[in-house]
PDB file of N, CA and C in Angstrom:
ATOM      1  N   MET A   1      95.489   9.911 129.128  1.00  0.00           N
ATOM      2  CA  MET A   1      96.400  10.954 129.407  1.00  0.00           C
ATOM      3  C   MET A   1      97.019  11.541 127.399  1.00  0.00           C
ATOM      4  N   ILE A   2      96.681   9.775 126.501  1.00  0.00           N
ATOM      5  CA  ILE A   2      96.898   9.818 125.446  1.00  0.00           C
ATOM      6  C   ILE A   2      95.734  10.554 124.400  1.00  0.00           C
ATOM      7  N   ILE A   3      94.297  10.330 125.146  1.00  0.00           N
ATOM      8  CA  ILE A   3      93.362  11.303 124.472  1.00  0.00           C
ATOM      9  C   ILE A   3      93.566  12.287 124.457  1.00  0.00           C
ATOM     10  N   GLY A   4      93.854  13.148 126.101  1.00  0.00           N
ATOM     11  CA  GLY A   4      93.662  14.590 126.375  1.00  0.00           C
ATOM     12  C   GLY A   4      95.045  14.964 125.322  1.00  0.00           C
ATOM     13  N   ILE A   5      95.792  14.787 124.702  1.00  0.00           N
ATOM     14  CA  ILE A   5      97.050  15.178 123.944  1.00  0.00           C
ATOM     15  C   ILE A   5      96.393  14.667 122.568  1.00  0.00           C
ATOM     16  N   ILE A   6      95.923  14.095 122.400  1.00  0.00           N
ATOM     17  CA  ILE A   6      95.316  14.132 120.831  1.00  0.00           C
ATOM     18  C   ILE A   6      94.145  14.738 120.716  1.00  0.00           C
ATOM     19  N   SER A   7      93.301  15.163 121.728  1.00  0.00           N
ATOM     20  CA  SER A   7      92.474  16.014 121.621  1.00  0.00           C
ATOM     21  C   SER A   7      92.894  17.631 121.583  1.00  0.00           C
ATOM     22  N   LEU A   8      94.199  17.818 122.389  1.00  0.00           N
ATOM     23  CA  LEU A   8      94.431  19.031 122.279  1.00  0.00           C
ATOM     24  C   LEU A   8      95.204  19.123 121.131  1.00  0.00           C
ATOM     25  N   MET A   9      95.530  18.544 120.619  1.00  0.00           N
ATOM     26  CA  MET A   9      96.296  18.640 118.871  1.00  0.00           C
ATOM     27  C   MET A   9      95.096  19.108 118.052  1.00  0.00           C
ATOM     28  N   GLN A  10      93.867  18.409 118.249  1.00  0.00           N
ATOM     29  CA  GLN A  10      92.806  18.451 117.556  1.00  0.00           C
ATOM     30  C   GLN A  10      91.942  19.974 117.422  1.00  0.00           C
ATOM     31  N   LEU A  11      92.206  20.765 118.495  1.00  0.00           N
ATOM     32  CA  LEU A  11      91.544  21.785 118.703  1.00  0.00           C
ATOM     33  C   LEU A  11      92.011  22.627 118.309  1.00  0.00           C
ATOM     34  N   LYS A  12      90.999  23.363 117.573  1.00  0.00           N
ATOM     35  CA  LYS A  12      91.192  24.330 116.893  1.00  0.00           C
ATOM     36  C   LYS A  12      91.873  25.981 117.535  1.00  0.00           C
ATOM     37  N   VAL A  13      92.438  26.905 116.629  1.00  0.00           N
ATOM     38  CA  VAL A  13      93.668  27.430 117.058  1.00  0.00           C
ATOM     39  C   VAL A  13      92.596  28.553 117.760  1.00  0.00           C
ATOM     40  N   GLU A  14      91.491  29.015 117.217  1.00  0.00           N
ATOM     41  CA  GLU A  14      90.693  30.048 117.940  1.00  0.00           C
ATOM     42  C   GLU A  14      89.996  30.067 119.439  1.00  0.00           C
ATOM     43  N   LEU A  15      89.909  28.497 120.019  1.00  0.00           N
ATOM     44  CA  LEU A  15      89.680  28.272 120.949  1.00  0.00           C
ATOM     45  C   LEU A  15      90.927  28.322 122.022  1.00  0.00           C
ATOM     46  N   TYR A  16      91.959  27.853 121.752  1.00  0.00           N
ATOM     47  CA  TYR A  16      92.956  28.360 123.056  1.00  0.00           C
ATOM     48  C   TYR A  16      92.801  29.986 123.649  1.00  0.00           C
ATOM     49  N   GLN A  17      92.699  29.514 124.700  1.00  0.00           N
ATOM     50  CA  GLN A  17      92.696  30.822 125.494  1.00  0.00           C
ATOM     51  C   GLN A  17      93.820  31.629 125.379  1.00  0.00           C
ATOM     52  N   GLY A  18      93.380  33.051 125.389  1.00  0.00           N
ATOM     53  CA  GLY A  18      94.724  34.036 125.133  1.00  0.00           C
ATOM     54  C   GLY A  18      95.732  33.786 124.222  1.00  0.00           C
ATOM     55  N   GLN A  19      95.453  32.956 123.370  1.00  0.00           N
ATOM     56  CA  GLN A  19      96.254  32.712 122.206  1.00  0.00           C
ATOM     57  C   GLN A  19      96.674  33.982 120.998  1.00  0.00           C
ATOM     58  N   SER A  20      95.873  34.687 120.868  1.00  0.00           N
ATOM     59  CA  SER A  20      96.037  36.071 120.358  1.00  0.00           C
ATOM     60  C   SER A  20      95.024  37.169 120.664  1.00  0.00           C
ATOM     61  N   GLN A  21      95.350  38.012 121.540  1.00  0.00           N
ATOM     62  CA  GLN A  21      94.359  38.885 122.187  1.00  0.00           C
ATOM     63  C   GLN A  21      95.011  40.317 120.628  1.00  0.00           C
ATOM     64  N   ALA A  22      93.493  40.855 120.701  1.00  0.00           N
ATOM     65  CA  ALA A  22      93.499  41.757 119.854  1.00  0.00           C
ATOM     66  C   ALA A  22      93.138  43.294 120.505  1.00  0.00           C
ATOM     67  N   ILE A  23      94.281  43.560 120.719  1.00  0.00           N
ATOM     68  CA  ILE A  23      94.208  44.767 121.803  1.00  0.00           C
ATOM     69  C   ILE A  23      95.196  45.970 120.955  1.00  0.00           C
ATOM     70  N   VAL A  24      94.458  47.463 121.180  1.00  0.00           N
ATOM     71  CA  VAL A  24      95.524  48.509 120.422  1.00  0.00           C
ATOM     72  C   VAL A  24      95.590  49.326 121.394  1.00  0.00           C
ATOM     73  N   SER A  25      96.443  50.248 121.840  1.00  0.00           N
ATOM     74  CA  SER A  25      96.477  51.132 122.671  1.00  0.00           C
ATOM     75  C   SER A  25      96.992  52.674 122.091  1.00  0.00           C
ATOM     76  N   ILE A  26      96.432  53.749 122.677  1.00  0.00           N
ATOM     77  CA  ILE A  26      97.178  54.999 122.034  1.00  0.00           C
ATOM     78  C   ILE A  26      97.641  55.487 123.236  1.00  0.00           C
ATOM     79  N   VAL A  27      98.885  56.065 123.063  1.00  0.00           N
ATOM     80  CA  VAL A  27      99.679  56.472 124.411  1.00  0.00           C
ATOM     81  C   VAL A  27      99.695  57.615 124.426  1.00  0.00           C
ATOM     82  N   VAL A  28      99.224  58.855 124.805  1.00  0.00           N
ATOM     83  CA  VAL A  28      99.851  60.144 124.501  1.00  0.00           C
ATOM     84  C   VAL A  28     100.279  61.034 125.711  1.00  0.00           C
ATOM     85  N   ARG A  29     101.431  61.309 125.564  1.00  0.00           N
ATOM     86  CA  ARG A  29     102.248  62.060 126.323  1.00  0.00           C
ATOM     87  C   ARG A  29     102.219  63.525 126.265  1.00  0.00           C
ATOM     88  N   ALA A  30     102.340  64.160 127.797  1.00  0.00           N
ATOM     89  CA  ALA A  30     102.195  65.773 127.715  1.00  0.00           C
ATOM     90  C   ALA A  30     103.575  66.149 127.948  1.00  0.00           C
ATOM     91  N   ARG A  31     104.037  67.059 127.502  1.00  0.00           N
ATOM     92  CA  ARG A  31     105.075  68.140 127.947  1.00  0.00           C
ATOM     93  C   ARG A  31     104.939  68.813 129.180  1.00  0.00           C
ATOM     94  N   GLY A  32     105.644  69.070 130.211  1.00  0.00           N
ATOM     95  CA  GLY A  32     105.542  69.898 130.850  1.00  0.00           C
ATOM     96  C   GLY A  32     104.847  69.677 132.664  1.00  0.00           C
ATOM     97  N   GLY A  33     104.890  68.516 132.588  1.00  0.00           N
ATOM     98  CA  GLY A  33     104.127  67.698 133.733  1.00  0.00           C
ATOM     99  C   GLY A  33     102.732  68.215 134.228  1.00  0.00           C
ATOM    100  N   LEU A  34     102.055  67.864 133.129  1.00  0.00           N
ATOM    101  CA  LEU A  34     100.403  68.168 133.227  1.00  0.00           C
ATOM    102  C   LEU A  34      99.998  67.345 134.429  1.00  0.00           C
ATOM    103  N   PRO A  35      99.376  67.540 135.251  1.00  0.00           N
ATOM    104  CA  PRO A  35      98.798  66.833 136.631  1.00  0.00           C
ATOM    105  C   PRO A  35      97.653  65.885 136.134  1.00  0.00           C
ATOM    106  N   SER A  36      97.667  64.303 136.864  1.00  0.00           N
ATOM    107  CA  SER A  36      96.504  63.186 136.138  1.00  0.00           C
ATOM    108  C   SER A  36      95.423  64.116 136.016  1.00  0.00           C
ATOM    109  N   GLN A  37      94.432  65.117 136.677  1.00  0.00           N
ATOM    110  CA  GLN A  37      93.279  65.358 136.747  1.00  0.00           C
ATOM    111  C   GLN A  37      93.249  66.095 135.530  1.00  0.00           C
ATOM    112  N   ASP A  38      93.988  66.981 134.898  1.00  0.00           N
ATOM    113  CA  ASP A  38      93.866  67.553 133.868  1.00  0.00           C
ATOM    114  C   ASP A  38      94.245  66.832 132.420  1.00  0.00           C
ATOM    115  N   VAL A  39      94.980  65.627 132.664  1.00  0.00           N
ATOM    116  CA  VAL A  39      95.550  64.528 131.708  1.00  0.00           C
ATOM    117  C   VAL A  39      93.895  64.045 131.090  1.00  0.00           C
ATOM    118  N   GLU A  40      93.384  63.639 132.465  1.00  0.00           N
ATOM    119  CA  GLU A  40      92.272  63.230 132.165  1.00  0.00           C
ATOM    120  C   GLU A  40      91.189  63.790 131.529  1.00  0.00           C
ATOM    121  N   LYS A  41      91.031  65.016 132.056  1.00  0.00           N
ATOM    122  CA  LYS A  41      90.154  65.866 131.499  1.00  0.00           C
ATOM    123  C   LYS A  41      90.071  66.146 129.941  1.00  0.00           C
ATOM    124  N   MET A  42      91.355  66.741 130.178  1.00  0.00           N
ATOM    125  CA  MET A  42      92.008  67.596 128.562  1.00  0.00           C
ATOM    126  C   MET A  42      92.310  66.484 127.399  1.00  0.00           C
ATOM    127  N   ILE A  43      92.494  65.069 127.697  1.00  0.00           N
ATOM    128  CA  ILE A  43      92.923  64.029 126.894  1.00  0.00           C
ATOM    129  C   ILE A  43      92.437  63.024 126.589  1.00  0.00           C
ATOM    130  N   THR A  44      92.346  62.602 127.909  1.00  0.00           N
ATOM    131  CA  THR A  44      91.941  60.775 128.150  1.00  0.00           C
ATOM    132  C   THR A  44      90.386  60.947 127.613  1.00  0.00           C
ATOM    133  N   LYS A  45      89.408  61.546 128.277  1.00  0.00           N
ATOM    134  CA  LYS A  45      88.038  61.552 128.045  1.00  0.00           C
ATOM    135  C   LYS A  45      87.738  61.743 126.635  1.00  0.00           C
ATOM    136  N   PRO A  46      88.188  63.144 125.895  1.00  0.00           N
ATOM    137  CA  PRO A  46      88.261  63.456 124.469  1.00  0.00           C
ATOM    138  C   PRO A  46      88.455  62.149 123.548  1.00  0.00           C
ATOM    139  N   ILE A  47      89.516  61.224 123.948  1.00  0.00           N
ATOM    140  CA  ILE A  47      89.999  60.175 123.112  1.00  0.00           C
ATOM    141  C   ILE A  47      89.087  59.076 123.341  1.00  0.00           C
ATOM    142  N   GLU A  48      88.378  58.667 124.513  1.00  0.00           N
ATOM    143  CA  GLU A  48      87.539  57.686 124.903  1.00  0.00           C
ATOM    144  C   GLU A  48      86.237  57.922 124.183  1.00  0.00           C
ATOM    145  N   GLU A  49      85.904  59.229 123.985  1.00  0.00           N
ATOM    146  CA  GLU A  49      84.479  59.695 123.366  1.00  0.00           C
ATOM    147  C   GLU A  49      84.867  59.534 121.839  1.00  0.00           C
ATOM    148  N   ALA A  50      86.165  59.636 121.149  1.00  0.00           N
ATOM    149  CA  ALA A  50      86.147  59.237 119.793  1.00  0.00           C
ATOM    150  C   ALA A  50      86.245  58.359 119.415  1.00  0.00           C
ATOM    151  N   VAL A  51      86.700  57.446 120.082  1.00  0.00           N
ATOM    152  CA  VAL A  51      87.159  56.131 119.821  1.00  0.00           C
ATOM    153  C   VAL A  51      86.529  55.218 120.196  1.00  0.00           C
ATOM    154  N   ALA A  52      85.401  55.375 120.847  1.00  0.00           N
ATOM    155  CA  ALA A  52      83.715  54.449 121.541  1.00  0.00           C
ATOM    156  C   ALA A  52      83.512  53.759 120.720  1.00  0.00           C
ATOM    157  N   THR A  53      82.880  54.411 119.409  1.00  0.00           N
ATOM    158  CA  THR A  53      82.133  53.852 118.683  1.00  0.00           C
ATOM    159  C   THR A  53      83.178  52.783 117.576  1.00  0.00           C
ATOM    160  N   VAL A  54      84.027  52.482 117.746  1.00  0.00           N
ATOM    161  CA  VAL A  54      84.664  51.683 116.852  1.00  0.00           C
ATOM    162  C   VAL A  54      84.238  50.078 116.703  1.00  0.00           C
ATOM    163  N   SER A  55      83.930  49.812 115.323  1.00  0.00           N
ATOM    164  CA  SER A  55      83.322  48.406 115.268  1.00  0.00           C
ATOM    165  C   SER A  55      84.463  47.090 116.098  1.00  0.00           C
ATOM    166  N   HIS A  56      83.530  46.499 116.572  1.00  0.00           N
ATOM    167  CA  HIS A  56      83.496  44.893 117.058  1.00  0.00           C
ATOM    168  C   HIS A  56      84.738  44.971 118.161  1.00  0.00           C
ATOM    169  N   MET A  57      84.749  46.390 118.984  1.00  0.00           N
ATOM    170  CA  MET A  57      85.256  46.748 120.171  1.00  0.00           C
ATOM    171  C   MET A  57      84.580  45.671 121.315  1.00  0.00           C
ATOM    172  N   LYS A  58      85.325  45.089 121.794  1.00  0.00           N
ATOM    173  CA  LYS A  58      84.990  44.177 123.439  1.00  0.00           C
ATOM    174  C   LYS A  58      84.998  45.393 124.277  1.00  0.00           C
ATOM    175  N   SER A  59      85.704  45.568 124.897  1.00  0.00           N
ATOM    176  CA  SER A  59      86.166  46.577 125.576  1.00  0.00           C
ATOM    177  C   SER A  59      86.766  47.940 125.714  1.00  0.00           C
ATOM    178  N   LEU A  60      86.776  48.670 126.678  1.00  0.00           N
ATOM    179  CA  LEU A  60      87.775  50.013 126.821  1.00  0.00           C
ATOM    180  C   LEU A  60      88.325  50.249 127.948  1.00  0.00           C
ATOM    181  N   TYR A  61      89.455  50.763 128.318  1.00  0.00           N
ATOM    182  CA  TYR A  61      90.426  50.757 129.337  1.00  0.00           C
ATOM    183  C   TYR A  61      90.990  52.079 129.358  1.00  0.00           C
ATOM    184  N   SER A  62      91.025  52.735 130.147  1.00  0.00           N
ATOM    185  CA  SER A  62      92.037  54.039 129.984  1.00  0.00           C
ATOM    186  C   SER A  62      92.405  54.205 131.417  1.00  0.00           C
ATOM    187  N   SER A  63      93.958  54.952 131.501  1.00  0.00           N
ATOM    188  CA  SER A  63      94.780  55.546 132.600  1.00  0.00           C
ATOM    189  C   SER A  63      94.980  56.718 132.388  1.00  0.00           C
ATOM    190  N   SER A  64      94.808  57.572 133.441  1.00  0.00           N
ATOM    191  CA  SER A  64      95.678  58.891 133.433  1.00  0.00           C
ATOM    192  C   SER A  64      96.584  59.152 134.420  1.00  0.00           C
ATOM    193  N   ARG A  65      97.726  59.574 134.239  1.00  0.00           N
ATOM    194  CA  ARG A  65      98.637  59.522 135.054  1.00  0.00           C
ATOM    195  C   ARG A  65      99.214  60.815 134.873  1.00  0.00           C
ATOM    196  N   GLU A  66     100.315  61.417 135.605  1.00  0.00           N
ATOM    197  CA  GLU A  66     101.127  62.746 135.316  1.00  0.00           C
ATOM    198  C   GLU A  66     101.516  62.870 134.247  1.00  0.00           C
ATOM    199  N   ALA A  67     101.441  63.744 133.014  1.00  0.00           N
ATOM    200  CA  ALA A  67     101.890  63.557 132.036  1.00  0.00           C
ATOM    201  C   ALA A  67     101.574  62.462 130.806  1.00  0.00           C
ATOM    202  N   GLU A  68     100.844  61.508 131.129  1.00  0.00           N
ATOM    203  CA  GLU A  68     100.553  60.704 130.182  1.00  0.00           C
ATOM    204  C   GLU A  68      99.066  60.240 130.025  1.00  0.00           C
ATOM    205  N   SER A  69      98.512  59.815 129.241  1.00  0.00           N
ATOM    206  CA  SER A  69      97.258  59.074 128.840  1.00  0.00           C
ATOM    207  C   SER A  69      97.559  57.990 128.107  1.00  0.00           C
ATOM    208  N   ARG A  70      96.612  57.136 128.615  1.00  0.00           N
ATOM    209  CA  ARG A  70      96.997  55.324 127.919  1.00  0.00           C
ATOM    210  C   ARG A  70      95.413  55.015 127.611  1.00  0.00           C
ATOM    211  N   VAL A  71      95.040  55.334 126.183  1.00  0.00           N
ATOM    212  CA  VAL A  71      93.640  54.601 126.085  1.00  0.00           C
ATOM    213  C   VAL A  71      93.757  53.074 125.601  1.00  0.00           C
ATOM    214  N   THR A  72      93.319  51.954 125.952  1.00  0.00           N
ATOM    215  CA  THR A  72      93.513  50.639 125.511  1.00  0.00           C
ATOM    216  C   THR A  72      92.080  49.682 124.818  1.00  0.00           C
ATOM    217  N   MET A  73      91.998  49.258 123.844  1.00  0.00           N
ATOM    218  CA  MET A  73      90.562  48.783 123.103  1.00  0.00           C
ATOM    219  C   MET A  73      90.934  47.391 122.938  1.00  0.00           C
ATOM    220  N   GLU A  74      90.411  46.525 123.571  1.00  0.00           N
ATOM    221  CA  GLU A  74      90.150  45.005 123.257  1.00  0.00           C
ATOM    222  C   GLU A  74      89.373  44.604 122.305  1.00  0.00           C
ATOM    223  N   PHE A  75      89.407  43.960 121.485  1.00  0.00           N
ATOM    224  CA  PHE A  75      88.715  43.461 120.412  1.00  0.00           C
ATOM    225  C   PHE A  75      87.895  42.201 120.039  1.00  0.00           C
ATOM    226  N   GLU A  76      87.020  42.126 120.055  1.00  0.00           N
ATOM    227  CA  GLU A  76      86.211  40.589 119.619  1.00  0.00           C
ATOM    228  C   GLU A  76      87.196  39.647 118.699  1.00  0.00           C
ATOM    229  N   PRO A  77      87.310  38.539 119.010  1.00  0.00           N
ATOM    230  CA  PRO A  77      88.413  37.354 118.432  1.00  0.00           C
ATOM    231  C   PRO A  77      87.863  37.726 116.914  1.00  0.00           C
ATOM    232  N   GLY A  78      88.520  37.303 115.991  1.00  0.00           N
ATOM    233  CA  GLY A  78      88.315  37.487 114.697  1.00  0.00           C
ATOM    234  C   GLY A  78      88.053  38.584 114.085  1.00  0.00           C
ATOM    235  N   THR A  79      88.328  39.890 115.075  1.00  0.00           N
ATOM    236  CA  THR A  79      88.636  41.180 114.205  1.00  0.00           C
ATOM    237  C   THR A  79      89.473  41.548 113.353  1.00  0.00           C
ATOM    238  N   ASP A  80      89.068  41.938 112.387  1.00  0.00           N
ATOM    239  CA  ASP A  80      90.110  42.362 111.131  1.00  0.00           C
ATOM    240  C   ASP A  80      91.203  43.688 111.581  1.00  0.00           C
ATOM    241  N   MET A  81      92.221  43.156 112.388  1.00  0.00           N
ATOM    242  CA  MET A  81      93.036  44.435 113.218  1.00  0.00           C
ATOM    243  C   MET A  81      93.734  45.308 112.117  1.00  0.00           C
ATOM    244  N   LYS A  82      93.673  44.952 110.822  1.00  0.00           N
ATOM    245  CA  LYS A  82      94.389  46.200 110.208  1.00  0.00           C
ATOM    246  C   LYS A  82      92.785  47.242 110.112  1.00  0.00           C
ATOM    247  N   PHE A  83      92.051  46.811 109.508  1.00  0.00           N
ATOM    248  CA  PHE A  83      90.796  47.744 110.124  1.00  0.00           C
ATOM    249  C   PHE A  83      90.294  48.172 111.050  1.00  0.00           C
ATOM    250  N   ALA A  84      90.423  47.809 111.897  1.00  0.00           N
ATOM    251  CA  ALA A  84      89.974  48.344 113.360  1.00  0.00           C
ATOM    252  C   ALA A  84      91.049  49.374 113.542  1.00  0.00           C
ATOM    253  N   ALA A  85      92.680  49.226 113.682  1.00  0.00           N
ATOM    254  CA  ALA A  85      93.735  50.199 113.677  1.00  0.00           C
ATOM    255  C   ALA A  85      93.298  51.444 112.764  1.00  0.00           C
ATOM    256  N   LEU A  86      92.962  51.059 111.550  1.00  0.00           N
ATOM    257  CA  LEU A  86      92.795  52.571 110.604  1.00  0.00           C
ATOM    258  C   LEU A  86      91.457  53.425 110.809  1.00  0.00           C
ATOM    259  N   GLU A  87      90.590  52.617 111.686  1.00  0.00           N
ATOM    260  CA  GLU A  87      89.198  53.003 112.223  1.00  0.00           C
ATOM    261  C   GLU A  87      89.403  53.929 113.295  1.00  0.00           C
ATOM    262  N   ILE A  88      90.664  53.386 114.308  1.00  0.00           N
ATOM    263  CA  ILE A  88      90.820  54.520 115.302  1.00  0.00           C
ATOM    264  C   ILE A  88      91.674  55.486 114.892  1.00  0.00           C
ATOM    265  N   ARG A  89      92.820  55.364 114.220  1.00  0.00           N
ATOM    266  CA  ARG A  89      93.249  56.507 113.402  1.00  0.00           C
ATOM    267  C   ARG A  89      92.374  57.870 113.087  1.00  0.00           C
ATOM    268  N   GLU A  90      91.703  56.951 112.080  1.00  0.00           N
ATOM    269  CA  GLU A  90      90.575  58.216 111.642  1.00  0.00           C
ATOM    270  C   GLU A  90      89.890  58.868 112.716  1.00  0.00           C
ATOM    271  N   LYS A  91      89.429  58.136 113.602  1.00  0.00           N
ATOM    272  CA  LYS A  91      88.592  58.815 114.619  1.00  0.00           C
ATOM    273  C   LYS A  91      89.256  59.731 115.765  1.00  0.00           C
ATOM    274  N   PHE A  92      90.520  59.620 115.828  1.00  0.00           N
ATOM    275  CA  PHE A  92      91.439  59.996 116.541  1.00  0.00           C
ATOM    276  C   PHE A  92      92.003  60.954 115.973  1.00  0.00           C
ATOM    277  N   SER A  93      91.930  61.211 114.871  1.00  0.00           N
ATOM    278  CA  SER A  93      92.056  62.244 113.680  1.00  0.00           C
ATOM    279  C   SER A  93      91.718  63.277 113.583  1.00  0.00           C
ATOM    280  N   ARG A  94      90.082  63.122 114.372  1.00  0.00           N
ATOM    281  CA  ARG A  94      89.104  64.264 114.308  1.00  0.00           C
ATOM    282  C   ARG A  94      89.338  64.785 115.657  1.00  0.00           C
ATOM    283  N   VAL A  95      89.884  64.237 116.765  1.00  0.00           N
ATOM    284  CA  VAL A  95      89.593  64.692 118.129  1.00  0.00           C
ATOM    285  C   VAL A  95      91.147  65.457 118.039  1.00  0.00           C
ATOM    286  N   ARG A  96      92.186  65.122 117.438  1.00  0.00           N
ATOM    287  CA  ARG A  96      93.424  65.728 117.869  1.00  0.00           C
ATOM    288  C   ARG A  96      93.677  67.000 117.900  1.00  0.00           C
ATOM    289  N   PRO A  97      92.760  68.088 116.823  1.00  0.00           N
ATOM    290  CA  PRO A  97      93.168  68.911 117.004  1.00  0.00           C
ATOM    291  C   PRO A  97      92.595  69.778 117.932  1.00  0.00           C
ATOM    292  N   PHE A  98      91.764  69.107 118.844  1.00  0.00           N
ATOM    293  CA  PHE A  98      91.274  70.195 120.299  1.00  0.00           C
ATOM    294  C   PHE A  98      92.193  69.470 121.301  1.00  0.00           C
ATOM    295  N   LEU A  99      93.379  68.810 121.221  1.00  0.00           N
ATOM    296  CA  LEU A  99      94.039  68.087 122.476  1.00  0.00           C
ATOM    297  C   LEU A  99      95.034  69.319 122.594  1.00  0.00           C
ATOM    298  N   PRO A 100      95.560  69.022 123.859  1.00  0.00           N
ATOM    299  CA  PRO A 100      96.276  70.498 124.059  1.00  0.00           C
ATOM    300  C   PRO A 100      97.701  70.386 123.474  1.00  0.00           C
ATOM    301  N   LYS A 101      97.874  71.922 123.069  1.00  0.00           N
ATOM    302  CA  LYS A 101      99.226  71.858 122.528  1.00  0.00           C
ATOM    303  C   LYS A 101     100.817  71.198 123.085  1.00  0.00           C
ATOM    304  N   GLU A 102     100.456  71.036 124.362  1.00  0.00           N
ATOM    305  CA  GLU A 102     101.761  70.689 124.876  1.00  0.00           C
ATOM    306  C   GLU A 102     101.916  68.807 124.552  1.00  0.00           C
ATOM    307  N   ILE A 103     100.903  68.052 124.255  1.00  0.00           N
ATOM    308  CA  ILE A 103     101.167  67.011 123.804  1.00  0.00           C
ATOM    309  C   ILE A 103     102.193  66.409 123.020  1.00  0.00           C
ATOM    310  N   GLU A 104     103.287  65.482 122.821  1.00  0.00           N
ATOM    311  CA  GLU A 104     103.974  65.200 122.143  1.00  0.00           C
ATOM    312  C   GLU A 104     103.007  64.088 121.097  1.00  0.00           C
ATOM    313  N   LYS A 105     103.749  63.968 119.812  1.00  0.00           N
ATOM    314  CA  LYS A 105     102.787  63.112 118.692  1.00  0.00           C
ATOM    315  C   LYS A 105     102.576  61.595 119.260  1.00  0.00           C
ATOM    316  N   ALA A 106     101.233  61.792 119.173  1.00  0.00           N
ATOM    317  CA  ALA A 106     100.519  60.274 119.967  1.00  0.00           C
ATOM    318  C   ALA A 106     101.075  59.311 118.796  1.00  0.00           C
ATOM    319  N   ARG A 107     101.268  58.181 119.714  1.00  0.00           N
ATOM    320  CA  ARG A 107     101.631  56.854 118.920  1.00  0.00           C
ATOM    321  C   ARG A 107     100.655  55.888 119.011  1.00  0.00           C
ATOM    322  N   ASP A 108     100.299  55.302 118.339  1.00  0.00           N
ATOM    323  CA  ASP A 108      99.381  53.853 118.320  1.00  0.00           C
ATOM    324  C   ASP A 108     100.015  52.294 118.446  1.00  0.00           C
ATOM    325  N   ARG A 109      99.786  51.392 119.499  1.00  0.00           N
ATOM    326  CA  ARG A 109     100.499  50.319 119.203  1.00  0.00           C
ATOM    327  C   ARG A 109      99.331  49.174 119.393  1.00  0.00           C
ATOM    328  N   GLN A 110      99.706  48.176 118.379  1.00  0.00           N
ATOM    329  CA  GLN A 110      98.695  47.229 118.155  1.00  0.00           C
ATOM    330  C   GLN A 110      99.556  45.895 118.948  1.00  0.00           C
ATOM    331  N   LEU A 111      98.868  45.392 119.747  1.00  0.00           N
ATOM    332  CA  LEU A 111      99.425  44.198 119.976  1.00  0.00           C
ATOM    333  C   LEU A 111      98.432  42.824 119.587  1.00  0.00           C
ATOM    334  N   ARG A 112      99.410  41.729 119.711  1.00  0.00           N
ATOM    335  CA  ARG A 112      98.322  40.800 119.262  1.00  0.00           C
ATOM    336  C   ARG A 112      98.456  39.431 120.069  1.00  0.00           C
TER     337      ARG A 112
END
């Protein structure tokens, strides 16, 4: 037991599971109760296509429901999240003019 405790204290931080997940979510809400199928087609898919080429992205998840689109990106451990967020904003800004006028201002949220 003592050896286990000593080993745990010697373990490098990046080897702890779930210690710091690099996740960024883009949430877009639409006014007027846009149906989930329309949200998927008009908002979620274009955003997914725009951010799909972000560097060091491990996985991309999305969900569409009535009047809300959520695109979540998980990054590889050790990714510079400030740069990743900047890259996401840049790619999102390219697709923003093509999204429906009913959307509220998009926000991105970085989780660590």
